[in-house]
């Protein structure tokens, strides 16, 4: 995922790049922003699924612990 920051000149969201000692900002277009949103949604969904699995495992472990 690219590094997205606010442009120091105009305040718009832009891709931040650092080559050597030169910083550059490239304005994000709407289609790029939509791609980023989709990427974030997918990442959030994966995190949510992993969290749900861990919650189920925790319930099982607690039940086993209370049975002993």
N, C-alpha and C. Protein backbone atom coordinates (compact mmCIF):
# COMPACT_ATOMS: atom_id res chain seq x y z
N UNK A 1 0.84 -1.17 0.00
CA UNK A 1 0.00 0.00 0.00
C UNK A 1 0.89 1.23 0.00
N UNK A 2 0.52 2.24 -0.77
CA UNK A 2 1.34 3.44 -0.81
C UNK A 2 1.11 4.31 0.42
N UNK A 3 2.07 5.16 0.63
CA UNK A 3 2.02 6.08 1.76
C UNK A 3 1.18 7.29 1.35
N UNK A 4 0.06 7.51 2.01
CA UNK A 4 -0.83 8.63 1.69
C UNK A 4 -0.73 9.64 2.81
N UNK A 5 -0.46 10.88 2.41
CA UNK A 5 -0.34 11.97 3.38
C UNK A 5 -1.03 13.21 2.85
N UNK A 6 -1.14 14.21 3.70
CA UNK A 6 -1.69 15.49 3.26
C UNK A 6 -0.58 16.33 2.65
N UNK A 7 -0.88 16.92 1.51
CA UNK A 7 0.09 17.78 0.84
C UNK A 7 0.32 19.03 1.70
N UNK A 8 1.57 19.39 1.97
CA UNK A 8 1.83 20.55 2.82
C UNK A 8 1.45 21.88 2.15
N UNK A 9 1.36 21.90 0.83
CA UNK A 9 1.02 23.14 0.12
C UNK A 9 -0.47 23.37 0.03
N UNK A 10 -1.22 22.31 -0.37
CA UNK A 10 -2.65 22.52 -0.60
C UNK A 10 -3.54 21.78 0.39
N UNK A 11 -2.97 20.83 1.15
CA UNK A 11 -3.75 20.11 2.15
C UNK A 11 -4.52 18.92 1.59
N UNK A 12 -4.45 18.68 0.28
CA UNK A 12 -5.16 17.55 -0.33
C UNK A 12 -4.44 16.25 -0.02
N UNK A 13 -5.16 15.16 -0.11
CA UNK A 13 -4.56 13.85 0.09
C UNK A 13 -3.72 13.52 -1.14
N UNK A 14 -2.52 13.01 -0.90
CA UNK A 14 -1.61 12.72 -2.00
C UNK A 14 -0.71 11.55 -1.64
N UNK A 15 -0.18 10.90 -2.69
CA UNK A 15 0.81 9.84 -2.49
C UNK A 15 2.13 10.51 -2.15
N UNK A 16 2.74 10.03 -1.09
CA UNK A 16 4.02 10.57 -0.64
C UNK A 16 5.13 9.66 -1.12
N UNK A 17 6.14 10.26 -1.72
CA UNK A 17 7.30 9.49 -2.18
C UNK A 17 8.56 10.20 -1.73
N UNK A 18 9.55 9.40 -1.36
CA UNK A 18 10.83 9.95 -0.93
C UNK A 18 11.92 9.26 -1.75
N UNK A 19 12.59 10.03 -2.58
CA UNK A 19 13.70 9.51 -3.38
C UNK A 19 14.94 10.28 -3.00
N UNK A 20 15.83 9.59 -2.31
CA UNK A 20 17.02 10.28 -1.80
C UNK A 20 16.59 11.28 -0.76
N UNK A 21 16.89 12.54 -1.00
CA UNK A 21 16.49 13.62 -0.08
C UNK A 21 15.32 14.42 -0.63
N UNK A 22 14.71 13.94 -1.72
CA UNK A 22 13.64 14.70 -2.37
C UNK A 22 12.29 14.09 -2.03
N UNK A 23 11.44 14.91 -1.42
CA UNK A 23 10.07 14.49 -1.11
C UNK A 23 9.17 14.93 -2.26
N UNK A 24 8.23 14.04 -2.65
CA UNK A 24 7.28 14.44 -3.69
C UNK A 24 5.88 13.99 -3.27
N UNK A 25 4.91 14.77 -3.71
CA UNK A 25 3.51 14.48 -3.45
C UNK A 25 2.79 14.42 -4.79
N UNK A 26 2.03 13.33 -4.99
CA UNK A 26 1.28 13.16 -6.23
C UNK A 26 -0.19 13.08 -5.87
N UNK A 27 -0.98 13.97 -6.42
CA UNK A 27 -2.40 14.03 -6.07
C UNK A 27 -3.10 12.72 -6.37
N UNK A 28 -3.98 12.31 -5.48
CA UNK A 28 -4.77 11.10 -5.68
C UNK A 28 -6.01 11.42 -6.50
N UNK A 29 -6.29 10.57 -7.45
CA UNK A 29 -7.49 10.73 -8.26
C UNK A 29 -8.61 9.92 -7.62
N UNK A 30 -9.85 10.21 -8.01
CA UNK A 30 -11.00 9.52 -7.43
C UNK A 30 -10.92 8.01 -7.58
N UNK A 31 -10.48 7.53 -8.76
CA UNK A 31 -10.42 6.08 -8.96
C UNK A 31 -9.36 5.45 -8.06
N UNK A 32 -8.28 6.18 -7.81
CA UNK A 32 -7.25 5.69 -6.90
C UNK A 32 -7.79 5.62 -5.47
N UNK A 33 -8.55 6.64 -5.10
CA UNK A 33 -9.14 6.65 -3.76
C UNK A 33 -10.12 5.50 -3.59
N UNK A 34 -10.89 5.22 -4.61
CA UNK A 34 -11.83 4.10 -4.53
C UNK A 34 -11.09 2.79 -4.37
N UNK A 35 -9.97 2.63 -5.07
CA UNK A 35 -9.17 1.42 -4.93
C UNK A 35 -8.65 1.29 -3.50
N UNK A 36 -8.21 2.40 -2.92
CA UNK A 36 -7.71 2.39 -1.54
C UNK A 36 -8.82 1.99 -0.58
N UNK A 37 -10.01 2.52 -0.79
CA UNK A 37 -11.14 2.19 0.08
C UNK A 37 -11.45 0.70 -0.01
N UNK A 38 -11.43 0.15 -1.22
CA UNK A 38 -11.69 -1.27 -1.41
C UNK A 38 -10.62 -2.09 -0.69
N UNK A 39 -9.35 -1.69 -0.83
CA UNK A 39 -8.27 -2.39 -0.15
C UNK A 39 -8.47 -2.37 1.36
N UNK A 40 -8.84 -1.22 1.89
CA UNK A 40 -9.06 -1.11 3.33
C UNK A 40 -10.24 -1.95 3.79
N UNK A 41 -11.31 -1.97 2.99
CA UNK A 41 -12.47 -2.79 3.35
C UNK A 41 -12.10 -4.26 3.39
N UNK A 42 -11.31 -4.71 2.41
CA UNK A 42 -10.88 -6.11 2.39
C UNK A 42 -10.03 -6.43 3.61
N UNK A 43 -9.12 -5.52 3.94
CA UNK A 43 -8.26 -5.74 5.11
C UNK A 43 -9.09 -5.78 6.38
N UNK A 44 -10.05 -4.89 6.49
CA UNK A 44 -10.92 -4.88 7.67
C UNK A 44 -11.74 -6.17 7.77
N UNK A 45 -12.22 -6.66 6.64
CA UNK A 45 -13.01 -7.89 6.63
C UNK A 45 -12.16 -9.07 7.10
N UNK A 46 -10.93 -9.16 6.61
CA UNK A 46 -10.03 -10.23 7.03
C UNK A 46 -9.76 -10.15 8.53
N UNK A 47 -9.53 -8.94 9.04
CA UNK A 47 -9.30 -8.74 10.46
C UNK A 47 -10.53 -9.17 11.26
N UNK A 48 -11.71 -8.79 10.78
CA UNK A 48 -12.95 -9.14 11.47
C UNK A 48 -13.13 -10.66 11.52
N UNK A 49 -12.84 -11.33 10.40
CA UNK A 49 -12.98 -12.78 10.36
C UNK A 49 -12.01 -13.45 11.34
N UNK A 50 -10.77 -12.97 11.39
CA UNK A 50 -9.79 -13.53 12.31
C UNK A 50 -10.22 -13.29 13.75
N UNK A 51 -10.75 -12.12 14.03
CA UNK A 51 -11.20 -11.79 15.39
C UNK A 51 -12.35 -12.70 15.81
N UNK A 52 -13.26 -12.98 14.88
CA UNK A 52 -14.39 -13.85 15.20
C UNK A 52 -13.91 -15.26 15.52
N UNK A 53 -12.94 -15.76 14.75
CA UNK A 53 -12.38 -17.09 15.01
C UNK A 53 -11.73 -17.13 16.38
N UNK A 54 -10.97 -16.10 16.70
CA UNK A 54 -10.30 -16.04 18.00
C UNK A 54 -11.30 -15.95 19.15
N UNK A 55 -12.40 -15.23 18.95
CA UNK A 55 -13.42 -15.14 19.98
C UNK A 55 -14.06 -16.51 20.24
N UNK A 56 -14.31 -17.25 19.16
CA UNK A 56 -14.88 -18.60 19.32
C UNK A 56 -13.91 -19.51 20.06
N UNK A 57 -12.63 -19.42 19.72
CA UNK A 57 -11.62 -20.24 20.40
C UNK A 57 -11.55 -19.87 21.88
N UNK A 58 -11.66 -18.60 22.18
CA UNK A 58 -11.61 -18.15 23.57
C UNK A 58 -12.79 -18.70 24.36
N UNK A 59 -13.98 -18.70 23.77
CA UNK A 59 -15.16 -19.25 24.44
C UNK A 59 -14.95 -20.73 24.73
N UNK A 60 -14.41 -21.46 23.77
CA UNK A 60 -14.16 -22.89 23.95
C UNK A 60 -13.15 -23.12 25.07
N UNK A 61 -12.07 -22.32 25.07
CA UNK A 61 -11.05 -22.47 26.12
C UNK A 61 -11.61 -22.14 27.50
N UNK A 62 -12.45 -21.13 27.59
CA UNK A 62 -13.05 -20.77 28.87
C UNK A 62 -13.98 -21.90 29.35
N UNK A 63 -14.72 -22.51 28.42
CA UNK A 63 -15.60 -23.61 28.80
C UNK A 63 -14.78 -24.80 29.31
N UNK A 64 -13.69 -25.10 28.64
CA UNK A 64 -12.84 -26.20 29.07
C UNK A 64 -12.23 -25.93 30.45
N UNK A 65 -11.85 -24.68 30.66
CA UNK A 65 -11.25 -24.30 31.94
C UNK A 65 -12.28 -24.40 33.07
N UNK A 66 -13.51 -24.00 32.81
CA UNK A 66 -14.52 -24.05 33.86
C UNK A 66 -14.97 -25.47 34.15
N UNK A 67 -14.79 -26.38 33.20
CA UNK A 67 -15.15 -27.79 33.39
C UNK A 67 -14.12 -28.54 34.22
N UNK A 68 -12.91 -28.01 34.32
CA UNK A 68 -11.87 -28.72 35.07
C UNK A 68 -11.77 -28.25 36.49
